[in-house]
Amino acid sequence: MKIFIITKYSYYTIIIVAILMLSASFYFLYNNFYQTLIQAKIIYVLKSQVAFESVNIELWDKVAQNLENKKISILSTEKKLNNPFVEFVKVEEE
């Protein structure tokens, strides 16, 4: 009786295992081959759009340094300037 049940369900088990193995194979092929081919095509297209002009690094550093210098305030933090737009009223204590 047990042998009959095992053989009855082994057919379905084999089919399920085969479907799972095929699914895993397709997933592996999709990730490792098809996606790689698509990425290679994208790289090929991007290589054709690359700018062939070389960048002058010294000029780039000079411009970046000038921009950084503009961000630094000209006045030192030790000096305090009076704001002409704000009136300070001295209140005398009685």
PDB file of N, CA and C in Angstrom:
ATOM      1  N   MET A   1       0.814  -1.194   0.000  1.00  0.00           N
ATOM      2  CA  MET A   1       0.000   0.000   0.000  1.00  0.00           C
ATOM      3  C   MET A   1       0.857   1.256   0.000  1.00  0.00           C
ATOM      4  N   LYS A   2       1.924   1.293   0.836  1.00  0.00           N
ATOM      5  CA  LYS A   2       2.795   2.462   0.885  1.00  0.00           C
ATOM      6  C   LYS A   2       3.545   2.648  -0.420  1.00  0.00           C
ATOM      7  N   ILE A   3       3.936   1.587  -1.033  1.00  0.00           N
ATOM      8  CA  ILE A   3       4.655   1.674  -2.311  1.00  0.00           C
ATOM      9  C   ILE A   3       3.750   2.297  -3.360  1.00  0.00           C
ATOM     10  N   PHE A   4       2.493   1.960  -3.361  1.00  0.00           N
ATOM     11  CA  PHE A   4       1.549   2.526  -4.323  1.00  0.00           C
ATOM     12  C   PHE A   4       1.411   4.038  -4.117  1.00  0.00           C
ATOM     13  N   ILE A   5       1.358   4.486  -2.876  1.00  0.00           N
ATOM     14  CA  ILE A   5       1.221   5.916  -2.581  1.00  0.00           C
ATOM     15  C   ILE A   5       2.498   6.648  -2.988  1.00  0.00           C
ATOM     16  N   ILE A   6       3.649   6.068  -2.721  1.00  0.00           N
ATOM     17  CA  ILE A   6       4.928   6.701  -3.069  1.00  0.00           C
ATOM     18  C   ILE A   6       5.045   6.835  -4.583  1.00  0.00           C
ATOM     19  N   THR A   7       4.707   5.789  -5.318  1.00  0.00           N
ATOM     20  CA  THR A   7       4.799   5.853  -6.776  1.00  0.00           C
ATOM     21  C   THR A   7       3.744   6.785  -7.354  1.00  0.00           C
ATOM     22  N   LYS A   8       2.604   6.877  -6.708  1.00  0.00           N
ATOM     23  CA  LYS A   8       1.541   7.761  -7.192  1.00  0.00           C
ATOM     24  C   LYS A   8       1.981   9.225  -7.087  1.00  0.00           C
ATOM     25  N   TYR A   9       2.591   9.598  -5.971  1.00  0.00           N
ATOM     26  CA  TYR A   9       2.996  10.985  -5.777  1.00  0.00           C
ATOM     27  C   TYR A   9       4.384  11.283  -6.338  1.00  0.00           C
ATOM     28  N   SER A  10       5.169  10.282  -6.626  1.00  0.00           N
ATOM     29  CA  SER A  10       6.504  10.532  -7.172  1.00  0.00           C
ATOM     30  C   SER A  10       6.419  11.136  -8.571  1.00  0.00           C
ATOM     31  N   TYR A  11       5.396  10.791  -9.331  1.00  0.00           N
ATOM     32  CA  TYR A  11       5.212  11.353 -10.668  1.00  0.00           C
ATOM     33  C   TYR A  11       5.001  12.870 -10.565  1.00  0.00           C
ATOM     34  N   TYR A  12       4.146  13.318  -9.647  1.00  0.00           N
ATOM     35  CA  TYR A  12       3.907  14.747  -9.463  1.00  0.00           C
ATOM     36  C   TYR A  12       5.142  15.453  -8.895  1.00  0.00           C
ATOM     37  N   THR A  13       5.822  14.778  -8.017  1.00  0.00           N
ATOM     38  CA  THR A  13       7.026  15.355  -7.421  1.00  0.00           C
ATOM     39  C   THR A  13       8.097  15.571  -8.480  1.00  0.00           C
ATOM     40  N   ILE A  14       8.268  14.599  -9.358  1.00  0.00           N
ATOM     41  CA  ILE A  14       9.260  14.720 -10.427  1.00  0.00           C
ATOM     42  C   ILE A  14       8.900  15.872 -11.360  1.00  0.00           C
ATOM     43  N   ILE A  15       7.650  16.025 -11.671  1.00  0.00           N
ATOM     44  CA  ILE A  15       7.219  17.123 -12.547  1.00  0.00           C
ATOM     45  C   ILE A  15       7.473  18.475 -11.879  1.00  0.00           C
ATOM     46  N   ILE A  16       7.152  18.589 -10.611  1.00  0.00           N
ATOM     47  CA  ILE A  16       7.365  19.842  -9.887  1.00  0.00           C
ATOM     48  C   ILE A  16       8.858  20.170  -9.795  1.00  0.00           C
ATOM     49  N   VAL A  17       9.676  19.169  -9.495  1.00  0.00           N
ATOM     50  CA  VAL A  17      11.122  19.381  -9.412  1.00  0.00           C
ATOM     51  C   VAL A  17      11.674  19.794 -10.778  1.00  0.00           C
ATOM     52  N   ALA A  18      11.190  19.175 -11.842  1.00  0.00           N
ATOM     53  CA  ALA A  18      11.654  19.525 -13.181  1.00  0.00           C
ATOM     54  C   ALA A  18      11.273  20.955 -13.537  1.00  0.00           C
ATOM     55  N   ILE A  19      10.063  21.349 -13.188  1.00  0.00           N
ATOM     56  CA  ILE A  19       9.632  22.733 -13.461  1.00  0.00           C
ATOM     57  C   ILE A  19      10.474  23.719 -12.657  1.00  0.00           C
ATOM     58  N   LEU A  20      10.755  23.401 -11.406  1.00  0.00           N
ATOM     59  CA  LEU A  20      11.593  24.271 -10.586  1.00  0.00           C
ATOM     60  C   LEU A  20      13.012  24.375 -11.146  1.00  0.00           C
ATOM     61  N   MET A  21      13.556  23.269 -11.620  1.00  0.00           N
ATOM     62  CA  MET A  21      14.900  23.291 -12.196  1.00  0.00           C
ATOM     63  C   MET A  21      14.938  24.105 -13.484  1.00  0.00           C
ATOM     64  N   LEU A  22      13.907  23.962 -14.309  1.00  0.00           N
ATOM     65  CA  LEU A  22      13.847  24.764 -15.537  1.00  0.00           C
ATOM     66  C   LEU A  22      13.713  26.249 -15.212  1.00  0.00           C
ATOM     67  N   SER A  23      12.898  26.566 -14.229  1.00  0.00           N
ATOM     68  CA  SER A  23      12.742  27.962 -13.827  1.00  0.00           C
ATOM     69  C   SER A  23      14.053  28.532 -13.313  1.00  0.00           C
ATOM     70  N   ALA A  24      14.757  27.771 -12.508  1.00  0.00           N
ATOM     71  CA  ALA A  24      16.045  28.223 -11.986  1.00  0.00           C
ATOM     72  C   ALA A  24      17.056  28.397 -13.122  1.00  0.00           C
ATOM     73  N   SER A  25      17.026  27.509 -14.098  1.00  0.00           N
ATOM     74  CA  SER A  25      17.938  27.615 -15.245  1.00  0.00           C
ATOM     75  C   SER A  25      17.636  28.868 -16.058  1.00  0.00           C
ATOM     76  N   PHE A  26      16.369  29.138 -16.320  1.00  0.00           N
ATOM     77  CA  PHE A  26      16.007  30.342 -17.069  1.00  0.00           C
ATOM     78  C   PHE A  26      16.383  31.608 -16.297  1.00  0.00           C
ATOM     79  N   TYR A  27      16.180  31.594 -15.006  1.00  0.00           N
ATOM     80  CA  TYR A  27      16.555  32.746 -14.184  1.00  0.00           C
ATOM     81  C   TYR A  27      18.061  32.984 -14.235  1.00  0.00           C
ATOM     82  N   PHE A  28      18.839  31.919 -14.124  1.00  0.00           N
ATOM     83  CA  PHE A  28      20.299  32.013 -14.193  1.00  0.00           C
ATOM     84  C   PHE A  28      20.739  32.556 -15.547  1.00  0.00           C
ATOM     85  N   LEU A  29      20.184  32.004 -16.614  1.00  0.00           N
ATOM     86  CA  LEU A  29      20.568  32.466 -17.946  1.00  0.00           C
ATOM     87  C   LEU A  29      20.174  33.923 -18.160  1.00  0.00           C
ATOM     88  N   TYR A  30      19.026  34.323 -17.683  1.00  0.00           N
ATOM     89  CA  TYR A  30      18.578  35.702 -17.847  1.00  0.00           C
ATOM     90  C   TYR A  30      19.518  36.668 -17.126  1.00  0.00           C
ATOM     91  N   ASN A  31      19.858  36.363 -15.881  1.00  0.00           N
ATOM     92  CA  ASN A  31      20.706  37.269 -15.107  1.00  0.00           C
ATOM     93  C   ASN A  31      22.146  37.290 -15.588  1.00  0.00           C
ATOM     94  N   ASN A  32      22.688  36.161 -15.955  1.00  0.00           N
ATOM     95  CA  ASN A  32      24.116  36.096 -16.251  1.00  0.00           C
ATOM     96  C   ASN A  32      24.466  36.247 -17.727  1.00  0.00           C
ATOM     97  N   PHE A  33      23.544  36.033 -18.615  1.00  0.00           N
ATOM     98  CA  PHE A  33      23.877  36.155 -20.035  1.00  0.00           C
ATOM     99  C   PHE A  33      23.099  37.282 -20.710  1.00  0.00           C
ATOM    100  N   TYR A  34      21.797  37.271 -20.589  1.00  0.00           N
ATOM    101  CA  TYR A  34      20.984  38.257 -21.289  1.00  0.00           C
ATOM    102  C   TYR A  34      21.245  39.659 -20.749  1.00  0.00           C
ATOM    103  N   GLN A  35      21.267  39.826 -19.428  1.00  0.00           N
ATOM    104  CA  GLN A  35      21.533  41.134 -18.844  1.00  0.00           C
ATOM    105  C   GLN A  35      22.939  41.625 -19.197  1.00  0.00           C
ATOM    106  N   THR A  36      23.898  40.719 -19.273  1.00  0.00           N
ATOM    107  CA  THR A  36      25.260  41.087 -19.641  1.00  0.00           C
ATOM    108  C   THR A  36      25.312  41.585 -21.073  1.00  0.00           C
ATOM    109  N   LEU A  37      24.581  40.946 -21.963  1.00  0.00           N
ATOM    110  CA  LEU A  37      24.549  41.399 -23.355  1.00  0.00           C
ATOM    111  C   LEU A  37      23.916  42.781 -23.462  1.00  0.00           C
ATOM    112  N   ILE A  38      22.862  43.021 -22.710  1.00  0.00           N
ATOM    113  CA  ILE A  38      22.209  44.332 -22.740  1.00  0.00           C
ATOM    114  C   ILE A  38      23.158  45.399 -22.197  1.00  0.00           C
ATOM    115  N   GLN A  39      23.869  45.096 -21.122  1.00  0.00           N
ATOM    116  CA  GLN A  39      24.811  46.063 -20.571  1.00  0.00           C
ATOM    117  C   GLN A  39      25.959  46.331 -21.537  1.00  0.00           C
ATOM    118  N   ALA A  40      26.393  45.304 -22.269  1.00  0.00           N
ATOM    119  CA  ALA A  40      27.453  45.499 -23.254  1.00  0.00           C
ATOM    120  C   ALA A  40      26.976  46.409 -24.386  1.00  0.00           C
ATOM    121  N   LYS A  41      25.723  46.274 -24.803  1.00  0.00           N
ATOM    122  CA  LYS A  41      25.172  47.161 -25.836  1.00  0.00           C
ATOM    123  C   LYS A  41      25.097  48.595 -25.332  1.00  0.00           C
ATOM    124  N   ILE A  42      24.700  48.766 -24.088  1.00  0.00           N
ATOM    125  CA  ILE A  42      24.617  50.111 -23.507  1.00  0.00           C
ATOM    126  C   ILE A  42      26.003  50.742 -23.439  1.00  0.00           C
ATOM    127  N   ILE A  43      27.007  49.978 -23.041  1.00  0.00           N
ATOM    128  CA  ILE A  43      28.374  50.490 -22.971  1.00  0.00           C
ATOM    129  C   ILE A  43      28.863  50.864 -24.357  1.00  0.00           C
ATOM    130  N   TYR A  44      28.534  50.073 -25.351  1.00  0.00           N
ATOM    131  CA  TYR A  44      28.940  50.373 -26.723  1.00  0.00           C
ATOM    132  C   TYR A  44      28.326  51.687 -27.190  1.00  0.00           C
ATOM    133  N   VAL A  45      27.054  51.904 -26.872  1.00  0.00           N
ATOM    134  CA  VAL A  45      26.383  53.153 -27.256  1.00  0.00           C
ATOM    135  C   VAL A  45      27.000  54.328 -26.509  1.00  0.00           C
ATOM    136  N   LEU A  46      27.283  54.153 -25.227  1.00  0.00           N
ATOM    137  CA  LEU A  46      27.860  55.238 -24.447  1.00  0.00           C
ATOM    138  C   LEU A  46      29.277  55.583 -24.900  1.00  0.00           C
ATOM    139  N   LYS A  47      30.035  54.590 -25.342  1.00  0.00           N
ATOM    140  CA  LYS A  47      31.383  54.860 -25.839  1.00  0.00           C
ATOM    141  C   LYS A  47      31.347  55.727 -27.083  1.00  0.00           C
ATOM    142  N   SER A  48      30.325  55.584 -27.883  1.00  0.00           N
ATOM    143  CA  SER A  48      30.233  56.403 -29.089  1.00  0.00           C
ATOM    144  C   SER A  48      29.855  57.840 -28.763  1.00  0.00           C
ATOM    145  N   GLN A  49      29.352  58.102 -27.558  1.00  0.00           N
ATOM    146  CA  GLN A  49      28.947  59.444 -27.167  1.00  0.00           C
ATOM    147  C   GLN A  49      29.958  60.124 -26.250  1.00  0.00           C
ATOM    148  N   VAL A  50      31.088  59.511 -26.028  1.00  0.00           N
ATOM    149  CA  VAL A  50      32.084  60.061 -25.115  1.00  0.00           C
ATOM    150  C   VAL A  50      32.752  61.268 -25.767  1.00  0.00           C
ATOM    151  N   ALA A  51      32.972  62.306 -24.968  1.00  0.00           N
ATOM    152  CA  ALA A  51      33.678  63.482 -25.478  1.00  0.00           C
ATOM    153  C   ALA A  51      35.162  63.138 -25.598  1.00  0.00           C
ATOM    154  N   PHE A  52      35.736  63.505 -26.720  1.00  0.00           N
ATOM    155  CA  PHE A  52      37.136  63.179 -26.965  1.00  0.00           C
ATOM    156  C   PHE A  52      38.056  64.332 -26.586  1.00  0.00           C
ATOM    157  N   GLU A  53      37.501  65.410 -26.067  1.00  0.00           N
ATOM    158  CA  GLU A  53      38.306  66.561 -25.685  1.00  0.00           C
ATOM    159  C   GLU A  53      38.863  66.333 -24.289  1.00  0.00           C
ATOM    160  N   SER A  54      40.154  66.545 -24.124  1.00  0.00           N
ATOM    161  CA  SER A  54      40.751  66.331 -22.811  1.00  0.00           C
ATOM    162  C   SER A  54      40.514  67.559 -21.938  1.00  0.00           C
ATOM    163  N   VAL A  55      40.432  67.330 -20.658  1.00  0.00           N
ATOM    164  CA  VAL A  55      40.153  68.392 -19.703  1.00  0.00           C
ATOM    165  C   VAL A  55      41.474  68.948 -19.189  1.00  0.00           C
ATOM    166  N   ASN A  56      41.557  70.277 -19.143  1.00  0.00           N
ATOM    167  CA  ASN A  56      42.737  70.935 -18.592  1.00  0.00           C
ATOM    168  C   ASN A  56      42.590  70.954 -17.070  1.00  0.00           C
ATOM    169  N   ILE A  57      43.285  70.071 -16.413  1.00  0.00           N
ATOM    170  CA  ILE A  57      43.146  69.897 -14.965  1.00  0.00           C
ATOM    171  C   ILE A  57      43.623  71.136 -14.212  1.00  0.00           C
ATOM    172  N   GLU A  58      44.710  71.752 -14.694  1.00  0.00           N
ATOM    173  CA  GLU A  58      45.228  72.935 -13.997  1.00  0.00           C
ATOM    174  C   GLU A  58      44.196  74.068 -14.028  1.00  0.00           C
ATOM    175  N   LEU A  59      43.577  74.282 -15.178  1.00  0.00           N
ATOM    176  CA  LEU A  59      42.561  75.322 -15.295  1.00  0.00           C
ATOM    177  C   LEU A  59      41.345  74.985 -14.426  1.00  0.00           C
ATOM    178  N   TRP A  60      40.980  73.708 -14.403  1.00  0.00           N
ATOM    179  CA  TRP A  60      39.856  73.280 -13.579  1.00  0.00           C
ATOM    180  C   TRP A  60      40.122  73.562 -12.103  1.00  0.00           C
ATOM    181  N   ASP A  61      41.327  73.241 -11.633  1.00  0.00           N
ATOM    182  CA  ASP A  61      41.683  73.498 -10.241  1.00  0.00           C
ATOM    183  C   ASP A  61      41.690  74.996  -9.942  1.00  0.00           C
ATOM    184  N   LYS A  62      42.163  75.779 -10.891  1.00  0.00           N
ATOM    185  CA  LYS A  62      42.203  77.233 -10.714  1.00  0.00           C
ATOM    186  C   LYS A  62      40.791  77.812 -10.584  1.00  0.00           C
ATOM    187  N   VAL A  63      39.886  77.376 -11.439  1.00  0.00           N
ATOM    188  CA  VAL A  63      38.500  77.843 -11.382  1.00  0.00           C
ATOM    189  C   VAL A  63      37.846  77.396 -10.083  1.00  0.00           C
ATOM    190  N   ALA A  64      38.072  76.161  -9.678  1.00  0.00           N
ATOM    191  CA  ALA A  64      37.493  75.661  -8.426  1.00  0.00           C
ATOM    192  C   ALA A  64      38.021  76.449  -7.235  1.00  0.00           C
ATOM    193  N   GLN A  65      39.309  76.791  -7.255  1.00  0.00           N
ATOM    194  CA  GLN A  65      39.889  77.573  -6.164  1.00  0.00           C
ATOM    195  C   GLN A  65      39.296  78.980  -6.134  1.00  0.00           C
ATOM    196  N   ASN A  66      39.089  79.581  -7.295  1.00  0.00           N
ATOM    197  CA  ASN A  66      38.463  80.910  -7.344  1.00  0.00           C
ATOM    198  C   ASN A  66      37.035  80.871  -6.802  1.00  0.00           C
ATOM    199  N   LEU A  67      36.289  79.851  -7.154  1.00  0.00           N
ATOM    200  CA  LEU A  67      34.934  79.726  -6.614  1.00  0.00           C
ATOM    201  C   LEU A  67      34.947  79.547  -5.105  1.00  0.00           C
ATOM    202  N   GLU A  68      35.902  78.796  -4.614  1.00  0.00           N
ATOM    203  CA  GLU A  68      36.001  78.584  -3.167  1.00  0.00           C
ATOM    204  C   GLU A  68      36.379  79.885  -2.472  1.00  0.00           C
ATOM    205  N   ASN A  69      37.238  80.666  -3.102  1.00  0.00           N
ATOM    206  CA  ASN A  69      37.627  81.953  -2.515  1.00  0.00           C
ATOM    207  C   ASN A  69      36.455  82.921  -2.471  1.00  0.00           C
ATOM    208  N   LYS A  70      35.556  82.844  -3.426  1.00  0.00           N
ATOM    209  CA  LYS A  70      34.393  83.727  -3.423  1.00  0.00           C
ATOM    210  C   LYS A  70      33.435  83.370  -2.291  1.00  0.00           C
ATOM    211  N   LYS A  71      33.437  82.117  -1.884  1.00  0.00           N
ATOM    212  CA  LYS A  71      32.552  81.704  -0.805  1.00  0.00           C
ATOM    213  C   LYS A  71      33.032  82.206   0.551  1.00  0.00           C
ATOM    214  N   ILE A  72      34.335  82.378   0.695  1.00  0.00           N
ATOM    215  CA  ILE A  72      34.896  82.842   1.969  1.00  0.00           C
ATOM    216  C   ILE A  72      34.604  84.332   2.099  1.00  0.00           C
ATOM    217  N   SER A  73      34.132  84.731   3.248  1.00  0.00           N
ATOM    218  CA  SER A  73      33.784  86.141   3.434  1.00  0.00           C
ATOM    219  C   SER A  73      35.038  86.999   3.444  1.00  0.00           C
ATOM    220  N   ILE A  74      34.918  88.204   2.918  1.00  0.00           N
ATOM    221  CA  ILE A  74      36.052  89.108   2.834  1.00  0.00           C
ATOM    222  C   ILE A  74      36.372  89.670   4.208  1.00  0.00           C
ATOM    223  N   LEU A  75      35.359  89.986   4.972  1.00  0.00           N
ATOM    224  CA  LEU A  75      35.570  90.549   6.290  1.00  0.00           C
ATOM    225  C   LEU A  75      35.879  89.459   7.296  1.00  0.00           C
ATOM    226  N   SER A  76      36.783  89.781   8.180  1.00  0.00           N
ATOM    227  CA  SER A  76      37.088  88.796   9.211  1.00  0.00           C
ATOM    228  C   SER A  76      35.971  88.782  10.240  1.00  0.00           C
ATOM    229  N   THR A  77      35.918  87.750  10.995  1.00  0.00           N
ATOM    230  CA  THR A  77      34.850  87.618  11.988  1.00  0.00           C
ATOM    231  C   THR A  77      35.121  88.469  13.219  1.00  0.00           C
ATOM    232  N   GLU A  78      36.363  88.963  13.387  1.00  0.00           N
ATOM    233  CA  GLU A  78      36.684  89.767  14.555  1.00  0.00           C
ATOM    234  C   GLU A  78      36.063  91.154  14.472  1.00  0.00           C
ATOM    235  N   LYS A  79      35.967  91.688  13.271  1.00  0.00           N
ATOM    236  CA  LYS A  79      35.408  93.023  13.102  1.00  0.00           C
ATOM    237  C   LYS A  79      33.884  92.940  13.116  1.00  0.00           C
ATOM    238  N   LYS A  80      33.299  93.830  13.852  1.00  0.00           N
ATOM    239  CA  LYS A  80      31.846  93.881  13.878  1.00  0.00           C
ATOM    240  C   LYS A  80      31.431  95.195  13.257  1.00  0.00           C
ATOM    241  N   LEU A  81      30.617  95.120  12.249  1.00  0.00           N
ATOM    242  CA  LEU A  81      30.161  96.316  11.574  1.00  0.00           C
ATOM    243  C   LEU A  81      28.813  96.730  12.116  1.00  0.00           C
ATOM    244  N   ASN A  82      28.626  98.032  12.196  1.00  0.00           N
ATOM    245  CA  ASN A  82      27.322  98.544  12.613  1.00  0.00           C
ATOM    246  C   ASN A  82      26.373  98.483  11.435  1.00  0.00           C
ATOM    247  N   ASN A  83      25.191  98.027  11.687  1.00  0.00           N
ATOM    248  CA  ASN A  83      24.186  97.948  10.650  1.00  0.00           C
ATOM    249  C   ASN A  83      23.442  99.283  10.602  1.00  0.00           C
ATOM    250  N   PRO A  84      23.526 100.033   9.497  1.00  0.00           N
ATOM    251  CA  PRO A  84      22.873 101.343   9.448  1.00  0.00           C
ATOM    252  C   PRO A  84      21.359 101.236   9.354  1.00  0.00           C
ATOM    253  N   PHE A  85      20.829 100.094   9.068  1.00  0.00           N
ATOM    254  CA  PHE A  85      19.391  99.934   8.901  1.00  0.00           C
ATOM    255  C   PHE A  85      18.681  99.578  10.196  1.00  0.00           C
ATOM    256  N   VAL A  86      19.430  99.295  11.213  1.00  0.00           N
ATOM    257  CA  VAL A  86      18.844  98.943  12.502  1.00  0.00           C
ATOM    258  C   VAL A  86      19.226 100.030  13.495  1.00  0.00           C
ATOM    259  N   GLU A  87      18.230 100.598  14.166  1.00  0.00           N
ATOM    260  CA  GLU A  87      18.490 101.630  15.167  1.00  0.00           C
ATOM    261  C   GLU A  87      18.537 100.984  16.544  1.00  0.00           C
ATOM    262  N   PHE A  88      19.549 101.356  17.253  1.00  0.00           N
ATOM    263  CA  PHE A  88      19.639 100.888  18.623  1.00  0.00           C
ATOM    264  C   PHE A  88      19.277 102.060  19.524  1.00  0.00           C
ATOM    265  N   VAL A  89      18.275 101.862  20.317  1.00  0.00           N
ATOM    266  CA  VAL A  89      17.836 102.903  21.237  1.00  0.00           C
ATOM    267  C   VAL A  89      18.333 102.518  22.617  1.00  0.00           C
ATOM    268  N   LYS A  90      19.081 103.403  23.219  1.00  0.00           N
ATOM    269  CA  LYS A  90      19.568 103.150  24.559  1.00  0.00           C
ATOM    270  C   LYS A  90      18.479 103.521  25.554  1.00  0.00           C
ATOM    271  N   VAL A  91      18.175 102.635  26.411  1.00  0.00           N
ATOM    272  CA  VAL A  91      17.171 102.871  27.436  1.00  0.00           C
ATOM    273  C   VAL A  91      17.904 103.165  28.737  1.00  0.00           C
ATOM    274  N   GLU A  92      17.595 104.300  29.269  1.00  0.00           N
ATOM    275  CA  GLU A  92      18.246 104.664  30.524  1.00  0.00           C
ATOM    276  C   GLU A  92      17.456 104.111  31.694  1.00  0.00           C
ATOM    277  N   GLU A  93      18.163 103.574  32.617  1.00  0.00           N
ATOM    278  CA  GLU A  93      17.511 103.020  33.801  1.00  0.00           C
ATOM    279  C   GLU A  93      17.186 104.126  34.770  1.00  0.00           C
ATOM    280  N   GLU A  94      16.048 104.074  35.377  1.00  0.00           N
ATOM    281  CA  GLU A  94      15.626 105.084  36.346  1.00  0.00           C
ATOM    282  C   GLU A  94      15.876 104.644  37.750  1.00  0.00           C
TER     283      GLU A  94
END
